[in-house]
Amino acid sequence: MKSTLWSLSVYFMSLFTILASIASQLEKIMTDFLCDTNENGNGLHWVNWDEVRHPQQEGGLGIRPRIMNDTLKTKWLWRFAKEEDAMRTNVIKVKYRIDDYGSQTKKSFYSHKVSCWKSILVVFEHFKSLVYFEVKEGSRVLFWHDVWCGDCPLKTQFSNLFRITHFKNATIQVVARNGDIWR
């Protein structure tokens, strides 16, 4: 049943942020699918919608369009980070001029008002709060902002030092090479 309810919207929800009104309409369509109503609006409800929306661990189906939307976009970020040589990663890098870290280096060739990647990046800060970075050569990990040493970013652990640094967005590689980030 869950696959039937989601089949029309999952792909688009993985690429674009849905508006609250559209999420409500999706819920209405799903509710109508689960209810047998007549012309008067009365009818048999096959399943209680609140139960459908409850998480699977609590016996529901876990259907919540807004949460699913963010989850699907977060999956793209995970794939981008883990599948460096995948075709989709290379297409995103070329089309939106993305560096290896995931940020846009230059304005894209395309003049779209809202790109898929821009929509996906809406959940980037939340995604970063859920993962730990492996430093390696340090070119993809931000010294202050990413969780790479301890349980929270260094900007939180050492807020006074972060406040006085001029290179707030430096990578670990830059800090290690230059040493002096306080100028």
Protein backbone atom coordinates (compact mmCIF):
# COMPACT_ATOMS: atom_id res chain seq x y z
CA MET A 1 0.00 0.00 0.00
CA LYS A 2 2.82 2.40 0.87
CA SER A 3 4.42 2.01 -2.57
CA THR A 4 1.10 2.74 -4.25
CA LEU A 5 0.60 5.90 -2.21
CA TRP A 6 4.10 7.23 -2.88
CA SER A 7 4.81 6.15 -6.46
CA LEU A 8 3.81 9.46 -8.08
CA SER A 9 5.71 11.83 -5.85
CA VAL A 10 8.89 10.17 -4.58
CA TYR A 11 11.13 11.07 -7.51
CA PHE A 12 10.21 14.76 -7.49
CA MET A 13 10.39 14.93 -3.72
CA SER A 14 13.96 13.65 -3.89
CA LEU A 15 14.98 16.59 -6.08
CA PHE A 16 12.81 19.56 -5.14
CA THR A 17 11.41 21.08 -1.97
CA ILE A 18 7.66 20.69 -1.96
CA LEU A 19 5.48 23.52 -0.80
CA ALA A 20 3.38 23.02 2.32
CA SER A 21 0.23 23.36 0.21
CA ILE A 22 1.38 20.58 -2.11
CA ALA A 23 2.28 18.36 0.85
CA SER A 24 -1.24 18.94 2.20
CA GLN A 25 -2.73 18.08 -1.20
CA LEU A 26 -0.66 14.88 -1.31
CA GLU A 27 -1.95 13.94 2.12
CA LYS A 28 -5.50 14.65 0.96
CA ILE A 29 -5.06 12.44 -2.12
CA MET A 30 -3.68 9.66 0.06
CA THR A 31 -6.49 10.08 2.57
CA ASP A 32 -9.08 9.94 -0.22
CA PHE A 33 -7.41 6.80 -1.55
CA LEU A 34 -7.86 5.15 1.85
CA CYS A 35 -11.47 6.29 2.24
CA ASP A 36 -14.55 5.16 0.38
CA THR A 37 -16.68 8.33 0.23
CA ASN A 38 -19.97 9.01 -1.49
CA GLU A 39 -21.44 12.27 -2.89
CA ASN A 40 -22.42 13.47 0.61
CA GLY A 41 -18.85 13.15 1.86
CA ASN A 42 -19.83 10.25 4.09
CA GLY A 43 -18.30 6.87 3.75
CA LEU A 44 -16.12 4.15 5.10
CA HIS A 45 -12.60 4.94 6.26
CA TRP A 46 -10.44 1.90 5.63
CA VAL A 47 -7.58 3.22 7.77
CA ASN A 48 -7.27 6.06 10.28
CA TRP A 49 -4.99 8.69 8.69
CA ASP A 50 -3.26 9.49 11.98
CA GLU A 51 -2.27 5.84 12.25
CA VAL A 52 -0.91 5.92 8.70
CA ARG A 53 1.26 8.92 9.56
CA HIS A 54 2.75 7.32 12.71
CA PRO A 55 6.28 5.95 12.39
CA GLN A 56 6.60 2.30 11.42
CA GLN A 57 8.08 1.47 14.84
CA GLU A 58 4.76 2.57 16.35
CA GLY A 59 2.65 0.44 13.99
CA GLY A 60 1.98 3.09 11.34
CA LEU A 61 3.15 3.35 7.74
CA GLY A 62 5.40 6.36 8.36
CA ILE A 63 3.89 8.42 5.54
CA ARG A 64 4.68 12.10 6.04
CA PRO A 65 5.37 14.09 2.86
CA ARG A 66 7.40 16.92 4.41
CA ILE A 67 9.72 14.61 6.37
CA MET A 68 10.04 12.26 3.40
CA ASN A 69 10.96 15.24 1.20
CA ASP A 70 13.90 16.21 3.42
CA THR A 71 14.95 12.58 3.85
CA LEU A 72 15.09 11.96 0.11
CA LYS A 73 17.15 15.12 -0.47
CA THR A 74 19.52 14.08 2.33
CA LYS A 75 19.99 10.76 0.54
CA TRP A 76 21.31 12.68 -2.49
CA LEU A 77 23.89 14.40 -0.26
CA TRP A 78 24.95 11.06 1.19
CA ARG A 79 25.36 9.59 -2.28
CA PHE A 80 27.29 12.66 -3.42
CA ALA A 81 29.69 12.27 -0.49
CA LYS A 82 30.11 8.48 -0.69
CA GLU A 83 29.97 7.79 -4.44
CA GLU A 84 32.66 10.17 -5.70
CA ASP A 85 33.11 8.42 -9.07
CA ALA A 86 29.43 7.76 -9.77
CA MET A 87 28.01 9.17 -12.97
CA ARG A 88 25.32 11.16 -11.13
CA THR A 89 28.00 12.80 -8.96
CA ASN A 90 30.02 13.79 -12.00
CA VAL A 91 26.92 15.15 -13.77
CA ILE A 92 26.06 17.31 -10.73
CA LYS A 93 29.64 18.57 -10.49
CA VAL A 94 29.75 19.58 -14.14
CA LYS A 95 26.22 20.96 -14.50
CA TYR A 96 26.21 23.05 -11.32
CA ARG A 97 29.99 23.63 -11.15
CA ILE A 98 30.34 21.93 -7.81
CA ASP A 99 33.68 21.29 -6.14
CA ASP A 100 34.50 18.03 -4.37
CA TYR A 101 33.17 19.42 -1.09
CA GLY A 102 29.69 20.03 -2.49
CA SER A 103 29.70 23.82 -2.74
CA GLN A 104 29.19 25.81 -5.90
CA THR A 105 32.49 27.23 -7.12
CA LYS A 106 31.10 29.45 -9.88
CA LYS A 107 27.72 30.45 -11.21
CA SER A 108 26.20 27.63 -13.21
CA PHE A 109 25.94 27.80 -16.99
CA TYR A 110 22.21 27.43 -16.56
CA SER A 111 20.04 30.33 -15.49
CA HIS A 112 17.42 28.28 -13.64
CA LYS A 113 15.81 30.16 -10.77
CA VAL A 114 15.78 26.98 -8.68
CA SER A 115 18.09 24.14 -9.55
CA CYS A 116 17.81 20.61 -8.27
CA TRP A 117 21.11 20.98 -6.43
CA LYS A 118 20.05 24.25 -4.78
CA SER A 119 16.90 22.52 -3.55
CA ILE A 120 18.91 19.57 -2.24
CA LEU A 121 21.37 21.88 -0.44
CA VAL A 122 18.52 23.22 1.71
CA VAL A 123 19.07 20.20 3.98
CA PHE A 124 22.89 20.41 3.88
CA GLU A 125 23.37 21.87 7.38
CA HIS A 126 21.11 19.22 8.88
CA PHE A 127 23.00 16.54 6.93
CA LYS A 128 26.33 17.81 8.25
CA SER A 129 25.03 17.65 11.81
CA LEU A 130 24.35 13.91 11.37
CA VAL A 131 27.72 12.83 9.96
CA TYR A 132 31.34 12.76 11.02
CA PHE A 133 34.02 13.67 8.53
CA GLU A 134 37.10 11.60 7.83
CA VAL A 135 39.95 14.07 7.39
CA LYS A 136 42.30 12.27 4.94
CA GLU A 137 44.22 15.13 3.24
CA GLY A 138 41.84 17.73 4.73
CA SER A 139 40.79 19.47 1.53
CA ARG A 140 37.10 18.64 1.93
CA VAL A 141 36.64 19.18 5.65
CA LEU A 142 36.04 22.64 7.10
CA PHE A 143 38.22 23.24 10.14
CA TRP A 144 35.63 25.14 12.19
CA HIS A 145 32.25 24.03 10.83
CA ASP A 146 32.46 20.26 10.32
CA VAL A 147 32.44 17.58 13.01
CA TRP A 148 35.83 15.94 12.60
CA CYS A 149 37.35 16.13 16.08
CA GLY A 150 35.02 15.37 19.00
CA ASP A 151 31.24 15.40 19.06
CA CYS A 152 30.55 18.90 17.76
CA PRO A 153 32.20 21.47 15.46
CA LEU A 154 35.25 23.31 16.77
CA LYS A 155 33.39 26.62 16.38
CA THR A 156 31.08 25.40 19.16
CA GLN A 157 33.83 24.00 21.37
CA PHE A 158 36.05 27.08 21.01
CA SER A 159 33.64 29.91 20.30
CA ASN A 160 36.02 32.65 21.50
CA LEU A 161 38.75 31.52 19.11
CA PHE A 162 36.25 31.15 16.28
CA ARG A 163 35.06 34.71 16.86
CA ILE A 164 38.54 36.18 16.32
CA THR A 165 39.71 34.11 13.34
CA HIS A 166 39.66 35.69 9.88
CA PHE A 167 39.45 32.36 8.06
CA LYS A 168 36.14 31.05 9.31
CA ASN A 169 35.63 28.81 6.26
CA ALA A 170 39.16 27.38 6.03
CA THR A 171 39.65 23.70 5.38
CA ILE A 172 41.89 21.58 7.58
CA GLN A 173 44.41 21.44 4.73
CA VAL A 174 44.66 25.25 4.60
CA VAL A 175 45.05 25.52 8.37
CA ALA A 176 47.71 22.79 8.43
CA ARG A 177 49.63 24.37 5.54
CA ASN A 178 49.46 27.99 6.71
CA GLY A 179 49.38 27.46 10.45
CA ASP A 180 48.54 31.09 11.20
CA ILE A 181 44.75 31.62 10.80
CA TRP A 182 44.47 34.61 13.14
CA ARG A 183 45.72 37.43 10.89
